[in-house]
Amino acid sequence: SKFQADMYFTNRTEITAVLLERLQHNFNQPERGLDVDIKDVQLREVDLPDAFDDEIANTQEQMQEVEVAQAEREEQRISMEREMLVAVEKVAQVVEEARGFAEKVRVENVAVVEQTLNRQRRKALANARIVQNFDEDPAPFERLFDLMKVRAMEQHNNTRLLVNL
């Protein structure tokens, strides 16, 4: 037999089609004097004992449960796959944001370093000019401090006077 026993109850149309094709092939052999035109084949219902019918119904029910479980499993797999894709995209987004933030910090740090270096260069040049003014003086630091006192007095704001009692 080409078919399992349960297929006679679950897939009769396929069995009928195969039987019709075989019968047509076997009865259409003109060289042997066979020229029969078979139009259709019908499988008859078989009356089986109730216990056998019940077992077939039970088997079909279990097969349906297996198919449902497989479909649910596939649904869960797809759902998890979708969740994983969302998580991967979220991680990629977080990484990209972190790279952007790191680049921003790097650019800001370069600017701060450049600004600090420029300010220190200007101060160094200004200090060099001040030192040149007092280069010939016998007491250059005393002269510098005197000049700083005069400058402080000129820039002093009388409205901001602090008094201790």
Protein backbone atom coordinates (compact mmCIF):
# COMPACT_ATOMS: atom_id res chain seq x y z
CA SER A 1 0.00 0.00 0.00
CA LYS A 2 1.22 3.47 -0.85
CA PHE A 3 -0.75 5.22 1.88
CA GLN A 4 -0.86 4.92 5.64
CA ALA A 5 -4.11 3.65 7.09
CA ASP A 6 -5.09 6.93 8.70
CA MET A 7 -4.87 8.72 5.32
CA TYR A 8 -7.92 6.76 4.12
CA PHE A 9 -9.88 8.75 6.68
CA THR A 10 -8.07 12.09 6.57
CA ASN A 11 -6.97 12.56 2.94
CA ARG A 12 -9.38 10.72 0.70
CA THR A 13 -9.16 13.20 -2.20
CA GLU A 14 -5.42 12.64 -2.67
CA ILE A 15 -5.84 8.87 -2.55
CA THR A 16 -8.73 9.04 -5.02
CA ALA A 17 -6.64 11.11 -7.47
CA VAL A 18 -3.71 8.67 -7.28
CA LEU A 19 -5.98 5.63 -7.72
CA LEU A 20 -7.72 7.23 -10.73
CA GLU A 21 -4.38 7.96 -12.39
CA ARG A 22 -3.10 4.40 -11.83
CA LEU A 23 -6.31 2.80 -13.07
CA GLN A 24 -6.31 4.97 -16.21
CA HIS A 25 -2.67 4.06 -16.87
CA ASN A 26 -3.24 0.33 -16.30
CA PHE A 27 -6.46 0.09 -18.36
CA ASN A 28 -5.31 2.25 -21.25
CA GLN A 29 -2.87 -0.12 -22.99
CA PRO A 30 -3.97 -0.57 -26.63
CA GLU A 31 -1.05 -2.93 -27.36
CA ARG A 32 -2.55 -5.43 -24.92
CA GLY A 33 -6.05 -4.87 -26.17
CA LEU A 34 -7.05 -2.64 -23.26
CA ASP A 35 -8.72 0.63 -24.14
CA VAL A 36 -10.91 1.63 -21.20
CA ASP A 37 -11.81 5.21 -20.41
CA ILE A 38 -12.19 5.63 -16.64
CA LYS A 39 -13.91 8.88 -15.70
CA ASP A 40 -13.96 8.76 -11.90
CA VAL A 41 -13.16 6.70 -8.82
CA GLN A 42 -15.03 6.80 -5.56
CA LEU A 43 -13.77 5.43 -2.28
CA ARG A 44 -16.57 3.93 -0.28
CA GLU A 45 -17.16 4.68 3.32
CA VAL A 46 -16.05 1.93 5.63
CA ASP A 47 -18.02 1.11 8.71
CA LEU A 48 -15.50 0.49 11.46
CA PRO A 49 -16.06 -0.61 15.04
CA ASP A 50 -16.80 2.24 17.44
CA ALA A 51 -13.55 1.74 19.34
CA PHE A 52 -11.58 2.16 16.10
CA ASP A 53 -13.62 5.25 15.11
CA ASP A 54 -13.02 6.71 18.55
CA GLU A 55 -9.28 6.07 18.27
CA ILE A 56 -9.19 7.73 14.82
CA ALA A 57 -11.04 10.77 16.23
CA ASN A 58 -8.68 10.85 19.20
CA THR A 59 -5.65 10.66 16.88
CA GLN A 60 -7.00 13.47 14.69
CA GLU A 61 -7.71 15.59 17.78
CA GLN A 62 -4.17 15.04 19.03
CA MET A 63 -2.76 15.90 15.60
CA GLN A 64 -4.77 19.14 15.63
CA GLU A 65 -3.45 19.93 19.10
CA VAL A 66 0.09 19.36 17.83
CA GLU A 67 -0.56 21.68 14.88
CA VAL A 68 -2.00 24.35 17.22
CA ALA A 69 1.00 24.01 19.53
CA GLN A 70 3.37 24.32 16.57
CA ALA A 71 1.52 27.41 15.34
CA GLU A 72 1.67 28.96 18.82
CA ARG A 73 5.37 28.15 19.03
CA GLU A 74 5.97 29.78 15.66
CA GLU A 75 3.99 32.84 16.78
CA GLN A 76 6.10 33.08 19.93
CA ARG A 77 9.30 32.68 17.90
CA ILE A 78 8.26 35.49 15.57
CA SER A 79 7.29 37.68 18.52
CA MET A 80 10.64 37.08 20.22
CA GLU A 81 12.46 37.71 16.97
CA ARG A 82 10.61 41.01 16.61
CA GLU A 83 11.47 41.96 20.20
CA MET A 84 15.10 41.10 19.55
CA LEU A 85 15.16 43.28 16.44
CA VAL A 86 13.67 46.17 18.42
CA ALA A 87 16.29 45.65 21.15
CA VAL A 88 19.11 45.54 18.58
CA GLU A 89 17.86 48.79 17.06
CA LYS A 90 17.61 50.36 20.53
CA VAL A 91 21.20 49.33 21.30
CA ALA A 92 22.35 50.76 17.97
CA GLN A 93 20.53 54.02 18.78
CA VAL A 94 22.11 54.21 22.26
CA VAL A 95 25.56 53.51 20.81
CA GLU A 96 25.08 56.18 18.15
CA GLU A 97 23.90 58.71 20.75
CA ALA A 98 26.90 57.85 22.94
CA ARG A 99 29.25 58.35 19.98
CA GLY A 100 27.63 61.70 19.26
CA PHE A 101 27.95 62.77 22.90
CA ALA A 102 31.59 61.61 23.00
CA GLU A 103 32.34 63.59 19.83
CA LYS A 104 30.66 66.67 21.32
CA VAL A 105 32.75 66.37 24.49
CA ARG A 106 35.91 65.87 22.44
CA VAL A 107 35.23 68.97 20.33
CA GLU A 108 34.40 71.05 23.42
CA ASN A 109 37.57 69.84 25.14
CA VAL A 110 39.70 70.73 22.12
CA ALA A 111 38.15 74.22 22.14
CA VAL A 112 38.77 74.65 25.89
CA VAL A 113 42.38 73.49 25.54
CA GLU A 114 42.97 75.85 22.60
CA GLN A 115 41.38 78.76 24.49
CA THR A 116 43.44 78.03 27.60
CA LEU A 117 46.64 77.80 25.57
CA ASN A 118 45.87 81.10 23.80
CA ARG A 119 45.11 82.84 27.11
CA GLN A 120 48.32 81.52 28.68
CA ARG A 121 50.38 82.59 25.63
CA ARG A 122 48.93 86.10 25.85
CA LYS A 123 49.66 86.26 29.58
CA ALA A 124 53.18 85.03 28.99
CA LEU A 125 53.74 87.70 26.32
CA ALA A 126 52.27 90.40 28.58
CA ASN A 127 54.46 89.25 31.47
CA ALA A 128 57.51 89.27 29.18
CA ARG A 129 56.75 92.89 28.22
CA ILE A 130 56.34 93.87 31.87
CA VAL A 131 59.66 92.23 32.75
CA GLN A 132 61.34 94.11 29.87
CA ASN A 133 60.14 97.43 31.41
CA PHE A 134 61.92 96.62 34.67
CA ASP A 135 64.93 94.87 33.16
CA GLU A 136 67.35 97.78 33.86
CA ASP A 137 65.94 98.63 37.31
CA PRO A 138 68.21 97.72 40.30
CA ALA A 139 65.16 96.46 42.29
CA PRO A 140 62.79 95.22 39.57
CA PHE A 141 60.32 93.50 41.88
CA GLU A 142 59.96 96.47 44.23
CA ARG A 143 59.34 98.71 41.26
CA LEU A 144 56.77 96.20 39.88
CA PHE A 145 54.89 96.01 43.20
CA ASP A 146 54.85 99.81 43.50
CA LEU A 147 53.40 100.07 40.03
CA MET A 148 50.78 97.43 40.90
CA LYS A 149 49.77 99.42 44.03
CA VAL A 150 49.38 102.61 42.01
CA ARG A 151 47.36 100.78 39.39
CA ALA A 152 45.13 99.23 42.09
CA MET A 153 44.47 102.62 43.63
CA GLU A 154 43.56 104.10 40.25
CA GLN A 155 41.07 101.31 39.54
CA HIS A 156 39.64 101.20 43.08
CA ASN A 157 35.92 101.90 43.44
CA ASN A 158 35.18 103.96 46.58
CA THR A 159 31.56 102.75 46.70
CA ARG A 160 32.78 99.29 47.47
CA LEU A 161 34.56 100.01 50.65
CA LEU A 162 34.65 97.37 53.37
CA VAL A 163 34.65 98.55 56.97
CA ASN A 164 35.31 96.38 60.03
CA LEU A 165 34.02 97.66 63.36
